[in-house]
Amino acid sequence: QVQLVESGGGLVQAGGSLRLSCAASERTFRLYSLGWFRQAPGKEREFVAAVTWSGVITYFADFVKGRFTISRDTSANTVYLQMNNLKPDDTAVYYCAAAKPADWRIRSPESYDYWGRGTQVTVSS
């Protein structure tokens, strides 16, 4: 079973940047597609970004295009979410998730098999 641990969250002013990391527990991590989701208080969990198992193809929600990037370091069993030009609306708990490629539907939380516990991102205005 893959265990995922997020880090890098915190408090930042609007316009600032954060880099989230998600470390996986085992090498089979490299076989999974990976995604980042977020959930703000009173809202449903929503898709933010994803990357294929190869790291070649990335996907983004419209509201983060041009501001966030996703990457993975297979040798370190880690996926990153670089967040630039942060806005107060980006305030949420951010979760990373792993999906088996055969079952993966990029933006659907239900298609992900493993989840981290999340890291809080707070953007002040």
N, C-alpha and C. Protein backbone atom coordinates (compact mmCIF):
# COMPACT_ATOMS: atom_id res chain seq x y z
N GLN A 1 0.84 -1.18 0.00
CA GLN A 1 0.00 0.00 0.00
C GLN A 1 0.88 1.24 0.00
N VAL A 2 0.52 2.22 -0.83
CA VAL A 2 1.30 3.44 -0.93
C VAL A 2 0.84 4.42 0.14
N GLN A 3 1.78 4.94 0.90
CA GLN A 3 1.47 6.00 1.86
C GLN A 3 2.03 7.31 1.33
N LEU A 4 1.23 8.36 1.44
CA LEU A 4 1.60 9.66 0.92
C LEU A 4 1.62 10.68 2.05
N VAL A 5 2.65 11.51 2.08
CA VAL A 5 2.77 12.52 3.13
C VAL A 5 3.08 13.87 2.49
N GLU A 6 2.15 14.80 2.67
CA GLU A 6 2.34 16.14 2.11
C GLU A 6 3.10 17.04 3.09
N SER A 7 3.79 18.02 2.53
CA SER A 7 4.46 19.03 3.35
C SER A 7 4.59 20.30 2.52
N GLY A 8 4.96 21.38 3.20
CA GLY A 8 5.22 22.62 2.49
C GLY A 8 4.13 23.68 2.60
N GLY A 9 3.02 23.32 3.23
CA GLY A 9 1.96 24.30 3.39
C GLY A 9 2.34 25.38 4.40
N GLY A 10 1.51 26.40 4.49
CA GLY A 10 1.78 27.46 5.43
C GLY A 10 0.96 28.69 5.14
N LEU A 11 1.35 29.78 5.77
CA LEU A 11 0.69 31.07 5.60
C LEU A 11 1.54 31.95 4.70
N VAL A 12 0.91 32.54 3.69
CA VAL A 12 1.63 33.39 2.75
C VAL A 12 0.73 34.54 2.35
N GLN A 13 1.32 35.65 2.00
CA GLN A 13 0.53 36.79 1.54
C GLN A 13 0.14 36.61 0.08
N ALA A 14 -0.93 37.25 -0.30
CA ALA A 14 -1.35 37.22 -1.70
C ALA A 14 -0.21 37.67 -2.60
N GLY A 15 -0.04 36.94 -3.69
CA GLY A 15 1.07 37.21 -4.61
C GLY A 15 2.31 36.39 -4.32
N GLY A 16 2.34 35.74 -3.17
CA GLY A 16 3.49 34.94 -2.79
C GLY A 16 3.47 33.55 -3.40
N SER A 17 4.46 32.75 -3.00
CA SER A 17 4.62 31.41 -3.55
C SER A 17 4.84 30.38 -2.45
N LEU A 18 4.44 29.17 -2.74
CA LEU A 18 4.73 28.02 -1.89
C LEU A 18 5.02 26.83 -2.80
N ARG A 19 5.81 25.90 -2.29
CA ARG A 19 6.00 24.64 -3.01
C ARG A 19 5.59 23.52 -2.08
N LEU A 20 4.59 22.77 -2.51
CA LEU A 20 4.15 21.61 -1.76
C LEU A 20 4.89 20.38 -2.26
N SER A 21 5.17 19.50 -1.33
CA SER A 21 5.80 18.22 -1.66
C SER A 21 4.92 17.09 -1.17
N CYS A 22 5.00 15.99 -1.87
CA CYS A 22 4.27 14.79 -1.46
C CYS A 22 5.23 13.61 -1.62
N ALA A 23 5.60 13.04 -0.51
CA ALA A 23 6.54 11.92 -0.51
C ALA A 23 5.79 10.60 -0.38
N ALA A 24 6.18 9.64 -1.20
CA ALA A 24 5.54 8.33 -1.19
C ALA A 24 6.42 7.31 -0.49
N SER A 25 5.78 6.29 0.00
CA SER A 25 6.46 5.32 0.86
C SER A 25 7.23 4.24 0.13
N GLU A 26 6.96 4.08 -1.16
CA GLU A 26 7.61 2.98 -1.83
C GLU A 26 7.88 3.27 -3.30
N ARG A 27 8.75 2.46 -3.85
CA ARG A 27 9.21 2.72 -5.21
C ARG A 27 8.14 2.50 -6.26
N THR A 28 7.09 1.69 -5.94
CA THR A 28 6.04 1.47 -6.93
C THR A 28 5.27 2.75 -7.22
N PHE A 29 5.52 3.75 -6.40
CA PHE A 29 4.98 5.10 -6.63
C PHE A 29 5.19 5.53 -8.08
N ARG A 30 6.29 5.16 -8.67
CA ARG A 30 6.61 5.62 -10.02
C ARG A 30 5.64 5.07 -11.06
N LEU A 31 4.86 4.05 -10.70
CA LEU A 31 3.91 3.46 -11.64
C LEU A 31 2.55 4.14 -11.60
N TYR A 32 2.36 5.06 -10.65
CA TYR A 32 1.05 5.67 -10.47
C TYR A 32 0.98 7.05 -11.12
N SER A 33 -0.21 7.40 -11.57
CA SER A 33 -0.50 8.78 -11.92
C SER A 33 -0.77 9.53 -10.62
N LEU A 34 -0.44 10.80 -10.61
CA LEU A 34 -0.49 11.56 -9.36
C LEU A 34 -1.29 12.84 -9.53
N GLY A 35 -2.01 13.19 -8.50
CA GLY A 35 -2.80 14.40 -8.57
C GLY A 35 -2.74 15.20 -7.28
N TRP A 36 -3.08 16.47 -7.40
CA TRP A 36 -3.28 17.35 -6.26
C TRP A 36 -4.73 17.84 -6.29
N PHE A 37 -5.34 17.78 -5.13
CA PHE A 37 -6.69 18.28 -4.94
C PHE A 37 -6.67 19.26 -3.77
N ARG A 38 -7.74 20.02 -3.63
CA ARG A 38 -7.83 20.90 -2.49
C ARG A 38 -9.28 20.96 -2.00
N GLN A 39 -9.41 21.31 -0.74
CA GLN A 39 -10.74 21.43 -0.17
C GLN A 39 -10.75 22.61 0.81
N ALA A 40 -11.61 23.57 0.51
CA ALA A 40 -11.79 24.72 1.38
C ALA A 40 -12.97 24.45 2.31
N PRO A 41 -13.03 25.13 3.43
CA PRO A 41 -14.14 24.91 4.38
C PRO A 41 -15.50 25.12 3.71
N GLY A 42 -16.36 24.14 3.89
CA GLY A 42 -17.71 24.22 3.34
C GLY A 42 -17.82 23.93 1.87
N LYS A 43 -16.71 23.54 1.25
CA LYS A 43 -16.72 23.25 -0.19
C LYS A 43 -16.31 21.81 -0.45
N GLU A 44 -16.64 21.32 -1.62
CA GLU A 44 -16.24 19.99 -2.01
C GLU A 44 -14.77 19.97 -2.43
N ARG A 45 -14.21 18.79 -2.34
CA ARG A 45 -12.84 18.63 -2.80
C ARG A 45 -12.79 18.85 -4.31
N GLU A 46 -11.79 19.60 -4.77
CA GLU A 46 -11.71 19.91 -6.19
C GLU A 46 -10.32 19.62 -6.74
N PHE A 47 -10.31 19.27 -8.00
CA PHE A 47 -9.09 18.95 -8.71
C PHE A 47 -8.25 20.22 -8.91
N VAL A 48 -6.93 20.07 -8.73
CA VAL A 48 -6.01 21.17 -8.94
C VAL A 48 -5.06 20.87 -10.10
N ALA A 49 -4.37 19.75 -10.03
CA ALA A 49 -3.37 19.41 -11.05
C ALA A 49 -3.08 17.92 -11.00
N ALA A 50 -2.54 17.40 -12.10
CA ALA A 50 -2.17 15.99 -12.14
C ALA A 50 -1.03 15.79 -13.12
N VAL A 51 -0.33 14.67 -12.95
CA VAL A 51 0.78 14.33 -13.83
C VAL A 51 0.75 12.84 -14.07
N THR A 52 1.07 12.43 -15.29
CA THR A 52 1.09 11.01 -15.63
C THR A 52 2.25 10.30 -14.96
N TRP A 53 2.19 8.96 -14.99
CA TRP A 53 3.24 8.18 -14.33
C TRP A 53 4.61 8.49 -14.92
N SER A 54 4.64 8.86 -16.21
CA SER A 54 5.91 9.15 -16.87
C SER A 54 6.43 10.54 -16.54
N GLY A 55 5.53 11.39 -16.02
CA GLY A 55 5.93 12.76 -15.74
C GLY A 55 5.89 13.67 -16.95
N VAL A 56 5.47 13.13 -18.09
CA VAL A 56 5.55 13.89 -19.34
C VAL A 56 4.33 14.79 -19.53
N ILE A 57 3.16 14.29 -19.17
CA ILE A 57 1.92 15.03 -19.44
C ILE A 57 1.35 15.55 -18.12
N THR A 58 0.96 16.81 -18.15
CA THR A 58 0.38 17.43 -16.95
C THR A 58 -0.99 18.01 -17.28
N TYR A 59 -1.80 18.14 -16.24
CA TYR A 59 -3.14 18.67 -16.37
C TYR A 59 -3.37 19.67 -15.24
N PHE A 60 -4.17 20.71 -15.54
CA PHE A 60 -4.42 21.73 -14.54
C PHE A 60 -5.87 22.18 -14.59
N ALA A 61 -6.37 22.52 -13.42
CA ALA A 61 -7.67 23.19 -13.38
C ALA A 61 -7.51 24.59 -13.97
N ASP A 62 -8.57 25.08 -14.57
CA ASP A 62 -8.49 26.39 -15.22
C ASP A 62 -8.07 27.48 -14.25
N PHE A 63 -8.49 27.38 -13.01
CA PHE A 63 -8.23 28.47 -12.07
C PHE A 63 -6.77 28.53 -11.60
N VAL A 64 -5.94 27.54 -11.98
CA VAL A 64 -4.52 27.60 -11.60
C VAL A 64 -3.58 27.65 -12.80
N LYS A 65 -4.13 27.59 -13.99
CA LYS A 65 -3.27 27.61 -15.18
C LYS A 65 -2.45 28.89 -15.22
N GLY A 66 -1.16 28.70 -15.49
CA GLY A 66 -0.26 29.84 -15.54
C GLY A 66 0.31 30.24 -14.20
N ARG A 67 -0.24 29.66 -13.11
CA ARG A 67 0.26 30.01 -11.77
C ARG A 67 0.90 28.80 -11.08
N PHE A 68 0.37 27.62 -11.29
CA PHE A 68 0.86 26.41 -10.62
C PHE A 68 1.54 25.50 -11.64
N THR A 69 2.54 24.78 -11.18
CA THR A 69 3.13 23.71 -11.97
C THR A 69 3.24 22.45 -11.12
N ILE A 70 3.20 21.31 -11.79
CA ILE A 70 3.32 20.03 -11.11
C ILE A 70 4.49 19.28 -11.71
N SER A 71 5.23 18.60 -10.88
CA SER A 71 6.37 17.81 -11.37
C SER A 71 6.58 16.65 -10.42
N ARG A 72 7.32 15.68 -10.90
CA ARG A 72 7.61 14.53 -10.05
C ARG A 72 9.07 14.16 -10.19
N ASP A 73 9.63 13.69 -9.09
CA ASP A 73 11.00 13.20 -9.06
C ASP A 73 10.90 11.72 -8.71
N THR A 74 10.98 10.90 -9.72
CA THR A 74 10.80 9.47 -9.51
C THR A 74 11.88 8.90 -8.59
N SER A 75 13.11 9.37 -8.71
CA SER A 75 14.19 8.85 -7.89
C SER A 75 13.97 9.15 -6.42
N ALA A 76 13.25 10.22 -6.13
CA ALA A 76 12.98 10.62 -4.75
C ALA A 76 11.58 10.23 -4.29
N ASN A 77 10.83 9.55 -5.16
CA ASN A 77 9.45 9.16 -4.83
C ASN A 77 8.63 10.37 -4.35
N THR A 78 8.77 11.48 -5.05
CA THR A 78 8.14 12.72 -4.60
C THR A 78 7.49 13.44 -5.77
N VAL A 79 6.34 14.04 -5.50
CA VAL A 79 5.68 14.91 -6.47
C VAL A 79 5.57 16.29 -5.84
N TYR A 80 5.69 17.31 -6.67
CA TYR A 80 5.71 18.68 -6.20
C TYR A 80 4.58 19.49 -6.84
N LEU A 81 4.11 20.47 -6.11
CA LEU A 81 3.18 21.45 -6.65
C LEU A 81 3.76 22.82 -6.34
N GLN A 82 4.25 23.48 -7.37
CA GLN A 82 4.78 24.83 -7.21
C GLN A 82 3.63 25.80 -7.45
N MET A 83 3.38 26.64 -6.45
CA MET A 83 2.26 27.56 -6.52
C MET A 83 2.78 28.99 -6.47
N ASN A 84 2.53 29.72 -7.53
CA ASN A 84 2.98 31.11 -7.62
C ASN A 84 1.77 32.04 -7.70
N ASN A 85 2.01 33.30 -7.41
CA ASN A 85 0.95 34.31 -7.49
C ASN A 85 -0.31 33.83 -6.76
N LEU A 86 -0.13 33.42 -5.53
CA LEU A 86 -1.24 32.87 -4.76
C LEU A 86 -2.28 33.94 -4.44
N LYS A 87 -3.52 33.48 -4.38
CA LYS A 87 -4.66 34.36 -4.11
C LYS A 87 -5.39 33.87 -2.86
N PRO A 88 -6.11 34.75 -2.20
CA PRO A 88 -6.87 34.31 -1.02
C PRO A 88 -7.81 33.13 -1.32
N ASP A 89 -8.34 33.07 -2.54
CA ASP A 89 -9.22 31.96 -2.91
C ASP A 89 -8.49 30.62 -3.00
N ASP A 90 -7.16 30.65 -2.98
CA ASP A 90 -6.40 29.40 -2.98
C ASP A 90 -6.30 28.78 -1.59
N THR A 91 -6.80 29.47 -0.59
CA THR A 91 -6.78 28.95 0.77
C THR A 91 -7.59 27.67 0.86
N ALA A 92 -6.93 26.60 1.33
CA ALA A 92 -7.57 25.29 1.40
C ALA A 92 -6.58 24.29 2.01
N VAL A 93 -7.09 23.12 2.29
CA VAL A 93 -6.22 21.98 2.58
C VAL A 93 -5.91 21.30 1.25
N TYR A 94 -4.65 21.09 0.99
CA TYR A 94 -4.21 20.49 -0.26
C TYR A 94 -3.81 19.03 -0.02
N TYR A 95 -4.32 18.16 -0.88
CA TYR A 95 -4.08 16.74 -0.77
C TYR A 95 -3.39 16.21 -2.02
N CYS A 96 -2.46 15.31 -1.84
CA CYS A 96 -1.96 14.59 -3.00
C CYS A 96 -2.59 13.21 -3.03
N ALA A 97 -2.65 12.63 -4.21
CA ALA A 97 -3.31 11.35 -4.40
C ALA A 97 -2.63 10.58 -5.52
N ALA A 98 -2.73 9.27 -5.44
CA ALA A 98 -2.11 8.40 -6.44
C ALA A 98 -3.16 7.48 -7.04
N ALA A 99 -3.07 7.28 -8.35
CA ALA A 99 -4.05 6.46 -9.05
C ALA A 99 -3.34 5.46 -9.96
N LYS A 100 -3.88 4.27 -10.01
CA LYS A 100 -3.40 3.29 -10.99
C LYS A 100 -3.80 3.78 -12.37
N PRO A 101 -2.87 3.81 -13.31
CA PRO A 101 -3.17 4.39 -14.63
C PRO A 101 -4.41 3.80 -15.32
N ALA A 102 -4.65 2.51 -15.15
CA ALA A 102 -5.77 1.88 -15.85
C ALA A 102 -7.11 2.41 -15.35
N ASP A 103 -7.16 2.85 -14.10
CA ASP A 103 -8.43 3.30 -13.52
C ASP A 103 -8.54 4.81 -13.44
N TRP A 104 -7.55 5.49 -13.91
CA TRP A 104 -7.40 6.91 -13.66
C TRP A 104 -8.32 7.76 -14.55
N ARG A 105 -9.12 8.60 -13.88
CA ARG A 105 -9.87 9.65 -14.55
C ARG A 105 -9.40 10.95 -13.92
N ILE A 106 -8.69 11.68 -14.65
CA ILE A 106 -7.80 12.75 -14.20
C ILE A 106 -8.40 13.60 -13.08
N ARG A 107 -9.61 14.12 -13.30
CA ARG A 107 -10.19 15.09 -12.39
C ARG A 107 -11.14 14.48 -11.37
N SER A 108 -11.30 13.18 -11.39
CA SER A 108 -12.25 12.51 -10.53
C SER A 108 -11.58 11.98 -9.27
N PRO A 109 -11.91 12.51 -8.09
CA PRO A 109 -11.30 12.01 -6.86
C PRO A 109 -11.55 10.51 -6.64
N GLU A 110 -12.69 10.02 -7.12
CA GLU A 110 -13.03 8.62 -6.90
C GLU A 110 -12.09 7.67 -7.61
N SER A 111 -11.37 8.14 -8.60
CA SER A 111 -10.49 7.25 -9.36
C SER A 111 -9.09 7.14 -8.76
N TYR A 112 -8.85 7.86 -7.67
CA TYR A 112 -7.55 7.80 -7.00
C TYR A 112 -7.60 6.79 -5.87
N ASP A 113 -6.55 6.00 -5.76
CA ASP A 113 -6.54 4.89 -4.82
C ASP A 113 -5.96 5.24 -3.45
N TYR A 114 -5.03 6.17 -3.44
CA TYR A 114 -4.34 6.51 -2.19
C TYR A 114 -4.32 8.02 -2.01
N TRP A 115 -4.43 8.43 -0.75
CA TRP A 115 -4.49 9.85 -0.41
C TRP A 115 -3.59 10.15 0.76
N GLY A 116 -3.00 11.36 0.73
CA GLY A 116 -2.32 11.85 1.90
C GLY A 116 -3.30 12.50 2.86
N ARG A 117 -2.81 12.99 3.99
CA ARG A 117 -3.67 13.60 5.00
C ARG A 117 -3.87 15.08 4.76
N GLY A 118 -3.11 15.65 3.86
CA GLY A 118 -3.30 17.05 3.51
C GLY A 118 -2.36 18.00 4.23
N THR A 119 -2.20 19.17 3.62
CA THR A 119 -1.40 20.24 4.22
C THR A 119 -2.15 21.55 4.00
N GLN A 120 -2.20 22.37 5.04
CA GLN A 120 -2.98 23.60 4.99
C GLN A 120 -2.21 24.69 4.28
N VAL A 121 -2.89 25.35 3.35
CA VAL A 121 -2.36 26.54 2.69
C VAL A 121 -3.31 27.70 2.99
N THR A 122 -2.77 28.76 3.54
CA THR A 122 -3.57 29.93 3.86
C THR A 122 -2.94 31.15 3.20
N VAL A 123 -3.74 31.84 2.41
CA VAL A 123 -3.27 33.02 1.68
C VAL A 123 -4.00 34.24 2.23
N SER A 124 -3.25 35.16 2.78
CA SER A 124 -3.84 36.37 3.35
C SER A 124 -3.87 37.48 2.31
N SER A 125 -4.88 38.33 2.44
CA SER A 125 -5.02 39.43 1.47
C SER A 125 -4.27 40.67 1.92
